[in-house]
Amino acid sequence: MLRPLDPKALPDHIDVLYRAAWALCGSRHEAEDLVQDTFARVLKRPRLVRSGSEVGYLLRALRNTNIARHRAAGRRPITVPLVETDFDDRAETAGTFDARELMEAIATTPRPYRDAVVAVDVVGMSYRQAARHLRTREVTITSRLSRGRQHIARALSEPEGAHRGRRARDADRASVLGPGVESFRDR
């Protein structure tokens, strides 16, 4: 049964949405902006949700807002982001990492895998709930979650800067070889 989304209930979900946004963006500041933008979009007009699925609806709205922000950013001139300077909260023990590093690693994960990791590991949804809200099958969530976790584990275990994605390597190769030229690896 559909019912109107209660604007007064939105503050109850801020923590969950903030963690999900941090995982999507990799930055605390961008996550705060993303949650604000999401709430602004949701509150613009009345929304109907199924009973008990506010978090799923808000998570989907958060993902869509993030995608819209990236599309808009792609149309703007490229700027160089500032490096976060909160290094004092970094763990001293070798082999450990802090929340900032984890969220940055999640943010570098390819989108389908990242969405599954955010839904299950960050937000705490069940596989069934995640499948329903990501509009896919439960078995697909299982495989995407596994691949996403593997990507994150590799990113956290490699030296800083060494976990560049395949897309970045392919872009570098294309810029060196030129358009339309393939390397021996591409054959």
Protein backbone atom coordinates (compact mmCIF):
# COMPACT_ATOMS: atom_id res chain seq x y z
CA MET A 1 0.00 0.00 0.00
CA LEU A 2 1.35 3.39 -0.95
CA ARG A 3 1.37 6.26 1.52
CA PRO A 4 2.84 9.77 1.47
CA LEU A 5 6.43 10.15 2.66
CA ASP A 6 6.40 11.97 5.98
CA PRO A 7 8.91 14.88 5.85
CA LYS A 8 9.13 14.80 9.64
CA ALA A 9 10.52 11.24 9.49
CA LEU A 10 13.46 12.20 7.24
CA PRO A 11 15.81 13.16 10.11
CA ASP A 12 15.54 9.57 11.37
CA HIS A 13 17.38 8.40 8.24
CA ILE A 14 20.19 10.98 8.07
CA ASP A 15 22.86 8.67 9.53
CA VAL A 16 22.10 5.83 7.12
CA LEU A 17 22.01 8.15 4.12
CA TYR A 18 25.19 9.92 5.21
CA ARG A 19 27.10 6.61 5.44
CA ALA A 20 25.77 5.59 2.02
CA ALA A 21 26.68 8.99 0.54
CA TRP A 22 30.16 8.84 2.06
CA ALA A 23 30.67 5.44 0.45
CA LEU A 24 29.45 6.74 -2.90
CA CYS A 25 31.55 9.92 -2.84
CA GLY A 26 34.58 8.93 -0.80
CA SER A 27 34.60 12.32 0.91
CA ARG A 28 32.83 13.51 4.03
CA HIS A 29 32.18 16.97 2.63
CA GLU A 30 30.76 15.71 -0.63
CA ALA A 31 28.62 13.23 1.32
CA GLU A 32 27.10 16.03 3.39
CA ASP A 33 26.31 17.98 0.22
CA LEU A 34 24.84 14.89 -1.44
CA VAL A 35 22.52 14.18 1.49
CA GLN A 36 21.37 17.81 1.51
CA ASP A 37 20.76 17.76 -2.24
CA THR A 38 18.83 14.51 -1.89
CA PHE A 39 16.60 15.88 0.85
CA ALA A 40 16.02 19.05 -1.17
CA ARG A 41 14.93 17.01 -4.20
CA VAL A 42 12.70 14.71 -2.14
CA LEU A 43 11.03 17.59 -0.32
CA LYS A 44 10.29 19.58 -3.50
CA ARG A 45 7.08 17.69 -4.04
CA PRO A 46 4.99 15.05 -2.24
CA ARG A 47 6.31 11.48 -2.61
CA LEU A 48 4.50 8.16 -2.25
CA VAL A 49 6.34 5.19 -0.73
CA ARG A 50 5.41 1.66 0.28
CA SER A 51 4.96 1.03 3.98
CA GLY A 52 8.33 0.49 5.69
CA SER A 53 10.46 1.23 2.65
CA GLU A 54 11.47 4.83 3.34
CA VAL A 55 15.16 3.93 3.57
CA GLY A 56 15.07 2.08 0.26
CA TYR A 57 13.30 4.96 -1.43
CA LEU A 58 15.73 7.50 0.04
CA LEU A 59 18.72 5.35 -0.94
CA ARG A 60 17.47 5.20 -4.52
CA ALA A 61 16.90 8.98 -4.47
CA LEU A 62 20.45 9.41 -3.11
CA ARG A 63 21.92 7.28 -5.92
CA ASN A 64 19.91 9.17 -8.55
CA THR A 65 20.97 12.52 -7.09
CA ASN A 66 24.60 11.39 -7.14
CA ILE A 67 24.30 10.32 -10.78
CA ALA A 68 22.67 13.64 -11.69
CA ARG A 69 25.46 15.55 -9.92
CA HIS A 70 28.10 13.61 -11.86
CA ARG A 71 26.36 14.24 -15.16
CA ALA A 72 26.16 17.95 -14.37
CA ALA A 73 29.81 17.98 -13.30
CA GLY A 74 30.76 16.34 -16.60
CA ARG A 75 29.41 19.37 -18.42
CA ARG A 76 31.49 21.82 -16.35
CA PRO A 77 35.18 22.65 -16.75
CA ILE A 78 37.50 20.26 -14.91
CA THR A 79 38.82 21.49 -11.58
CA VAL A 80 41.47 19.95 -9.34
CA PRO A 81 40.03 18.68 -6.04
CA LEU A 82 41.71 19.62 -2.77
CA VAL A 83 43.25 16.83 -0.74
CA GLU A 84 41.62 16.17 2.62
CA THR A 85 43.95 17.17 5.45
CA ASP A 86 42.61 15.13 8.33
CA PHE A 87 45.61 12.78 8.54
CA ASP A 88 45.78 12.77 12.36
CA ASP A 89 42.89 10.28 12.57
CA ARG A 90 44.90 7.79 10.51
CA ALA A 91 45.60 4.47 12.23
CA GLU A 92 49.19 3.91 13.31
CA THR A 93 49.21 0.13 13.11
CA ALA A 94 50.30 -1.46 9.82
CA GLY A 95 47.52 -3.34 8.05
CA THR A 96 44.72 -1.24 9.51
CA PHE A 97 42.78 1.55 7.89
CA ASP A 98 40.37 4.22 9.00
CA ALA A 99 36.84 5.00 7.86
CA ARG A 100 38.05 7.65 5.41
CA GLU A 101 40.27 5.14 3.60
CA LEU A 102 37.48 2.58 3.54
CA MET A 103 34.98 5.05 2.09
CA GLU A 104 37.52 6.17 -0.53
CA ALA A 105 38.08 2.54 -1.50
CA ILE A 106 34.32 1.98 -1.78
CA ALA A 107 34.04 5.12 -3.93
CA THR A 108 36.61 3.74 -6.41
CA THR A 109 34.63 0.53 -6.91
CA PRO A 110 32.75 0.23 -10.24
CA ARG A 111 29.16 1.44 -9.88
CA PRO A 112 27.13 -1.83 -9.94
CA TYR A 113 29.43 -3.38 -7.32
CA ARG A 114 29.58 -0.17 -5.29
CA ASP A 115 25.79 0.08 -5.17
CA ALA A 116 25.54 -3.48 -3.80
CA VAL A 117 28.25 -2.84 -1.19
CA VAL A 118 26.62 0.41 -0.11
CA ALA A 119 23.18 -1.18 0.17
CA VAL A 120 24.26 -4.30 2.10
CA ASP A 121 27.45 -3.41 3.98
CA VAL A 122 27.05 0.32 4.58
CA VAL A 123 23.29 0.75 4.91
CA GLY A 124 22.63 -2.72 6.34
CA MET A 125 19.93 -3.96 3.99
CA SER A 126 19.34 -7.67 3.51
CA TYR A 127 20.21 -9.19 0.14
CA ARG A 128 16.51 -9.38 -0.69
CA GLN A 129 15.90 -5.71 0.20
CA ALA A 130 18.98 -4.63 -1.75
CA ALA A 131 17.86 -6.62 -4.79
CA ARG A 132 14.41 -5.05 -4.65
CA HIS A 133 15.71 -1.49 -4.29
CA LEU A 134 18.46 -1.89 -6.90
CA ARG A 135 15.90 -3.55 -9.18
CA THR A 136 17.84 -6.74 -9.79
CA ARG A 137 17.80 -10.38 -8.67
CA GLU A 138 19.08 -11.52 -5.29
CA VAL A 139 21.71 -13.77 -6.87
CA THR A 140 23.00 -10.74 -8.81
CA ILE A 141 23.40 -8.84 -5.53
CA THR A 142 25.42 -11.76 -4.16
CA SER A 143 27.88 -11.76 -7.06
CA ARG A 144 28.13 -7.95 -7.22
CA LEU A 145 28.72 -7.82 -3.48
CA SER A 146 31.49 -10.41 -3.73
CA ARG A 147 33.21 -8.59 -6.58
CA GLY A 148 32.80 -5.24 -4.84
CA ARG A 149 34.33 -6.57 -1.64
CA GLN A 150 37.24 -8.05 -3.60
CA HIS A 151 37.85 -4.69 -5.27
CA ILE A 152 37.78 -2.89 -1.92
CA ALA A 153 40.12 -5.43 -0.31
CA ARG A 154 42.62 -5.01 -3.18
CA ALA A 155 42.37 -1.23 -2.96
CA LEU A 156 43.03 -1.28 0.78
CA SER A 157 45.89 -3.77 0.59
CA GLU A 158 47.80 -2.05 -2.23
CA PRO A 159 50.11 0.92 -1.59
CA GLU A 160 48.45 4.32 -1.82
CA GLY A 161 47.77 5.35 -5.41
CA ALA A 162 48.45 1.85 -6.75
CA HIS A 163 44.78 0.86 -7.01
CA ARG A 164 43.97 2.62 -10.25
CA GLY A 165 41.09 1.05 -12.07
CA ARG A 166 41.17 -0.66 -15.44
CA ARG A 167 39.31 2.26 -16.98
CA ALA A 168 42.10 4.65 -15.91
CA ARG A 169 44.79 2.30 -17.26
CA ASP A 170 42.90 1.93 -20.56
CA ALA A 171 42.52 5.72 -20.80
CA ASP A 172 46.26 6.15 -20.21
CA ARG A 173 47.04 3.54 -22.85
CA ALA A 174 44.68 5.19 -25.34
CA SER A 175 46.20 8.61 -24.73
CA VAL A 176 49.71 7.24 -25.38
CA LEU A 177 48.80 5.13 -28.42
CA GLY A 178 46.36 7.57 -29.93
CA PRO A 179 42.77 7.04 -31.07
CA GLY A 180 42.03 3.89 -33.02
CA VAL A 181 45.36 2.23 -32.18
CA GLU A 182 45.26 -0.90 -30.07
CA SER A 183 48.06 -2.38 -28.01
CA PHE A 184 49.17 -5.99 -28.16
CA ARG A 185 47.12 -6.63 -24.98
CA ASP A 186 43.90 -5.53 -26.70
CA ARG A 187 44.19 -8.10 -29.49
